[in-house]
Amino acid sequence: MKKVFSYFFSSIYYLLFGIWIVIFHAIQWVCFNIFGYQAHKKSVGILNWFLMRSLHVLGSRITFQNKYTFEEGKTHIIVSNHQSMNDIPPIIWFLRKLHPKFISKKELGHGIPSISYNLRHGGSILIDRKDPRQALSEIKKFTDYLNQTKHAAVIFPEGTRSKTGVPKKFSANGLVTLFKYCPEAIVVPITINNSWKLQRFGMFPLDLGVHLKIEVQEPIPVKNYSPKELAEIVEQSVTSGVNL
C-alpha cells in the first residue's frame, strides 16, 4: 500500500521540482546577467531551499549536523559520499556561506533548466569522466579559481552514486590534484546517510518517509598531510559515518 501512495506523492514532488527549476532558470538568468555573481549565488541558494523542502511532500525529513566553525577567507574542499541527486540541494543550502562549486560530469551541463545553467555559469566545472587527462586538466584549472576566490570545491570521489548506501572505493586522482594545488585549503568531509532510500525503486516512484541525514566530519587542513595520505584519511572519515 505504501508503494501505491508513493506513485501519487512522487508525481506531486516531480511536478514541484519541474516548476521550481523552470521558474528559477529565468531568475538565474536575470540575476547573473544584470546583477552579477552575488545575486546569482543567492538565487541558486533559494532554488535549492525550495528543492530540498519539496521532499516534505514525500514525508521526508532532512537533518544537517555540523558542530564545526569554518575559517573565513580560506578555500574549502568538500568531500562527500554520493547516494542520490537529493544529496546536492542540502550541501548548496546549508554550506552556502562557503560558496560551494561542483566538479560535475559534462552531461549535466546541458538540457536541465536551472541546474545546467548554474553549472555552466556559477563557477563549477564540467569534466569528461571517460577522459582522465581532460578531467585532471580541468580540475587543475579549477584550483586556480578556488585559490583566487576562496570558494569551496565539492567533489564526490565515488564517481557514480551508490544505489545501496554502501560506499564505493574513492577515486584518488581528483582529490590528490585538489590537495596538491590548494595547499592552504581546508578539507570538509561529509557523510550522507539514507539518501539512497529515496530512489530504492529507481527514479519513480520515490520512497516515502525517508530521513535524510548529512553530517559534517572534522575539517582537516590540507597542509598537515601529503596529498595521497590525505586522500586516504578523508575517505576513512567520510565512510566511517555511513550507517548500513
Foldseek 3Di string as FASTA:
>chain_A
DQQVVLQVLQVVLVVQLQVLLQVLLVVLVCCPPPVRQVSNLVSLLVSLVSNLVSLVSQVEAEAEADPDDDDPPAEEEEEAAAADPNVPSVCCHVVVVQLEAEAEAQVQLDDGRNRNVCNVPNLHDHAHPVDVVRSLVRLLVSLVVCNVPVHYYYYHQQRDHDLVLQGHDGDLSSQLSNLVSRQAHKYKYKEKEQPSQQQNVHSPRGGGNTYIYMYIFDIDRSNVDRSVVVSVVSVCRHNVPGDD
